[in-house]
Amino acid sequence: MGSIDPDNLSTGSNDAQKEFELFAIDMSQTDKTTIVKQLMSQMSNVGFCLLTNVPNFNEEKLGAAIKAYHDLPLETKMQMAPKHHNPQSKHLYRGYFPFPVGDIANKEMLICGRPIEDISPWEREGCPLYEANPWTESFNSEHAWIKETFESHFKIQHDLALTLIRCFAIGLGKR
């Protein structure tokens, strides 16, 4: 893998040239001490990292689900839109966001989070930040695999984030 030359990215600093190598951190390793050391090295020297072999993450399956979702008819996706795009919706911030007219970003998106069932009643009560994902009936039947793929990969990514936080805490001496 190539090296990153920070001087090519700088604002004109005359500091001595340093090269930092971005290397892949294998998240399937059983030795978490190695992962901690590699993460701390990459974040201290490069500022970002490349993670590989995240347990249970299936890039091809997730990519196929994303494509299948975005290939659905607009009417199907609009049933999942939040209230400001679909007045019949009870959702405030989760759901489908269509291409905004005149927006230079020119993107549509689906915002989902942890299934509401995974959030404790104590955490949910009175907190407007939690709402159910806006799955419609077709996602319990003909499009169920899309929903299952999104939810399982959300959990995989959430678990990865918790693992990274723990590793950073250990690396910073905050056991």
Protein backbone atom coordinates (compact mmCIF):
# COMPACT_ATOMS: atom_id res chain seq x y z
CA MET A 1 0.00 0.00 0.00
CA GLY A 2 1.30 3.47 -0.82
CA SER A 3 2.46 6.03 1.66
CA ILE A 4 0.81 9.32 2.47
CA ASP A 5 2.98 12.41 2.16
CA PRO A 6 1.50 14.93 4.63
CA ASP A 7 3.50 17.78 3.03
CA ASN A 8 1.43 17.38 -0.13
CA LEU A 9 -1.65 17.97 1.98
CA SER A 10 -0.30 20.84 4.06
CA THR A 11 -0.87 24.55 3.79
CA GLY A 12 2.73 25.25 2.91
CA SER A 13 4.55 24.28 6.11
CA ASN A 14 8.32 23.91 5.76
CA ASP A 15 8.50 21.10 8.32
CA ALA A 16 10.77 18.19 7.51
CA GLN A 17 9.14 15.71 5.18
CA LYS A 18 7.54 12.78 6.96
CA GLU A 19 5.84 9.80 5.43
CA PHE A 20 3.14 7.81 7.14
CA GLU A 21 1.89 4.50 5.91
CA LEU A 22 -1.79 3.63 5.97
CA PHE A 23 -2.13 -0.07 6.65
CA ALA A 24 -5.18 -2.26 7.09
CA ILE A 25 -6.22 -3.18 10.61
CA ASP A 26 -7.66 -6.69 10.62
CA MET A 27 -10.65 -6.60 12.97
CA SER A 28 -10.95 -10.41 13.00
CA GLN A 29 -7.77 -10.67 15.08
CA THR A 30 -8.31 -12.30 18.44
CA ASP A 31 -5.45 -10.34 20.02
CA LYS A 32 -7.16 -7.06 20.93
CA THR A 33 -3.85 -5.64 22.20
CA THR A 34 -2.57 -5.68 18.62
CA ILE A 35 -5.72 -3.92 17.40
CA VAL A 36 -5.32 -1.25 20.10
CA LYS A 37 -1.67 -0.64 19.16
CA GLN A 38 -2.45 -0.47 15.44
CA LEU A 39 -5.42 1.88 15.96
CA MET A 40 -3.43 4.21 18.18
CA SER A 41 -0.54 4.25 15.71
CA GLN A 42 -2.77 5.01 12.74
CA MET A 43 -4.79 7.69 14.52
CA SER A 44 -1.69 9.32 16.01
CA ASN A 45 0.38 9.29 12.83
CA VAL A 46 -2.07 9.29 9.93
CA GLY A 47 -5.29 10.61 11.46
CA PHE A 48 -7.58 7.91 10.08
CA CYS A 49 -7.50 4.16 9.60
CA LEU A 50 -8.58 1.37 7.28
CA LEU A 51 -10.48 -1.51 8.88
CA THR A 52 -10.76 -4.91 7.22
CA ASN A 53 -12.37 -8.25 8.04
CA VAL A 54 -15.05 -6.79 10.30
CA PRO A 55 -16.80 -9.89 11.67
CA ASN A 56 -20.09 -10.67 9.89
CA PHE A 57 -19.91 -7.58 7.64
CA ASN A 58 -20.84 -8.53 4.08
CA GLU A 59 -20.14 -5.64 1.71
CA GLU A 60 -21.67 -7.40 -1.30
CA LYS A 61 -24.93 -8.21 0.50
CA LEU A 62 -25.24 -4.69 1.92
CA GLY A 63 -24.48 -3.17 -1.48
CA ALA A 64 -27.16 -5.34 -3.10
CA ALA A 65 -29.72 -4.29 -0.46
CA ILE A 66 -28.87 -0.59 -0.94
CA LYS A 67 -29.25 -0.93 -4.71
CA ALA A 68 -32.51 -2.88 -4.36
CA TYR A 69 -33.92 -0.25 -1.99
CA HIS A 70 -33.05 2.66 -4.27
CA ASP A 71 -34.47 0.77 -7.28
CA LEU A 72 -37.91 0.56 -5.61
CA PRO A 73 -40.65 2.73 -7.09
CA LEU A 74 -40.77 6.28 -5.71
CA GLU A 75 -44.30 5.67 -4.35
CA THR A 76 -43.03 2.78 -2.21
CA LYS A 77 -40.15 4.83 -0.81
CA MET A 78 -42.35 7.89 -0.20
CA GLN A 79 -44.51 5.80 2.16
CA MET A 80 -41.42 5.75 4.39
CA ALA A 81 -40.75 9.50 4.19
CA PRO A 82 -40.91 11.61 7.38
CA LYS A 83 -43.76 14.03 8.03
CA HIS A 84 -42.25 17.01 6.20
CA HIS A 85 -42.16 14.95 2.97
CA ASN A 86 -45.26 12.83 3.65
CA PRO A 87 -48.02 14.46 5.74
CA GLN A 88 -49.53 11.03 6.54
CA SER A 89 -46.30 9.92 8.25
CA LYS A 90 -45.88 9.93 12.02
CA HIS A 91 -42.07 9.96 11.72
CA LEU A 92 -40.19 13.16 12.42
CA TYR A 93 -36.65 12.44 11.26
CA ARG A 94 -36.25 8.83 10.19
CA GLY A 95 -37.20 7.61 6.78
CA TYR A 96 -36.78 8.19 3.08
CA PHE A 97 -35.58 11.57 1.81
CA PRO A 98 -36.19 12.08 -1.93
CA PHE A 99 -33.92 13.97 -4.28
CA PRO A 100 -34.33 17.63 -3.26
CA VAL A 101 -35.22 19.85 -6.23
CA GLY A 102 -32.35 22.20 -7.04
CA ASP A 103 -30.01 20.72 -4.37
CA ILE A 104 -26.43 20.47 -5.63
CA ALA A 105 -25.88 17.29 -3.57
CA ASN A 106 -28.41 15.49 -5.79
CA LYS A 107 -28.85 12.53 -3.47
CA GLU A 108 -31.67 10.56 -1.97
CA MET A 109 -31.25 8.72 1.30
CA LEU A 110 -32.81 6.50 3.90
CA ILE A 111 -32.19 7.34 7.53
CA CYS A 112 -32.69 4.46 9.94
CA GLY A 113 -31.30 3.65 13.35
CA ARG A 114 -31.40 1.00 15.99
CA PRO A 115 -34.71 -0.82 16.08
CA ILE A 116 -36.84 0.78 18.79
CA GLU A 117 -37.15 -2.64 20.47
CA ASP A 118 -33.40 -2.55 21.17
CA ILE A 119 -33.68 0.66 23.19
CA SER A 120 -34.54 0.32 26.87
CA PRO A 121 -37.88 1.74 28.06
CA TRP A 122 -35.94 4.02 30.42
CA GLU A 123 -33.98 5.43 27.48
CA ARG A 124 -37.07 5.80 25.26
CA GLU A 125 -39.45 7.47 27.72
CA GLY A 126 -39.95 11.10 26.96
CA CYS A 127 -36.99 11.29 24.57
CA PRO A 128 -37.98 12.63 21.15
CA LEU A 129 -34.72 11.37 19.66
CA TYR A 130 -36.04 7.82 19.49
CA GLU A 131 -38.61 6.66 17.01
CA ALA A 132 -39.23 3.42 15.18
CA ASN A 133 -37.75 2.85 11.77
CA PRO A 134 -40.45 3.60 9.17
CA TRP A 135 -40.68 0.17 7.56
CA THR A 136 -43.90 -0.36 5.63
CA GLU A 137 -45.76 -3.66 5.28
CA SER A 138 -43.89 -4.63 2.10
CA PHE A 139 -40.68 -4.78 4.18
CA ASN A 140 -42.27 -7.57 6.23
CA SER A 141 -42.98 -9.60 3.09
CA GLU A 142 -41.62 -9.09 -0.42
CA HIS A 143 -38.81 -6.70 0.62
CA ALA A 144 -38.06 -8.34 3.99
CA TRP A 145 -34.49 -9.21 2.99
CA ILE A 146 -33.69 -5.50 2.50
CA LYS A 147 -34.94 -4.63 5.99
CA GLU A 148 -33.14 -7.61 7.55
CA THR A 149 -29.88 -6.71 5.77
CA PHE A 150 -30.06 -3.04 6.81
CA GLU A 151 -30.88 -3.89 10.43
CA SER A 152 -28.26 -6.62 10.76
CA HIS A 153 -25.56 -4.40 9.25
CA PHE A 154 -26.60 -1.49 11.45
CA LYS A 155 -26.00 -3.78 14.45
CA ILE A 156 -22.65 -4.93 13.05
CA GLN A 157 -21.54 -1.31 12.57
CA HIS A 158 -22.86 -0.32 16.01
CA ASP A 159 -20.96 -3.18 17.63
CA LEU A 160 -17.84 -2.18 15.67
CA ALA A 161 -18.18 1.40 16.93
CA LEU A 162 -18.37 0.15 20.54
CA THR A 163 -15.30 -2.03 19.97
CA LEU A 164 -13.38 0.95 18.56
CA ILE A 165 -14.40 3.15 21.49
CA ARG A 166 -13.17 0.48 23.93
CA CYS A 167 -9.89 0.16 22.00
CA PHE A 168 -9.35 3.93 22.01
CA ALA A 169 -10.11 4.08 25.74
CA ILE A 170 -7.53 1.34 26.41
CA GLY A 171 -5.03 3.04 24.09
CA LEU A 172 -5.48 6.31 25.98
CA GLY A 173 -5.02 4.56 29.33
CA LYS A 174 -8.67 4.99 30.39
CA ARG A 175 -9.45 1.35 31.13
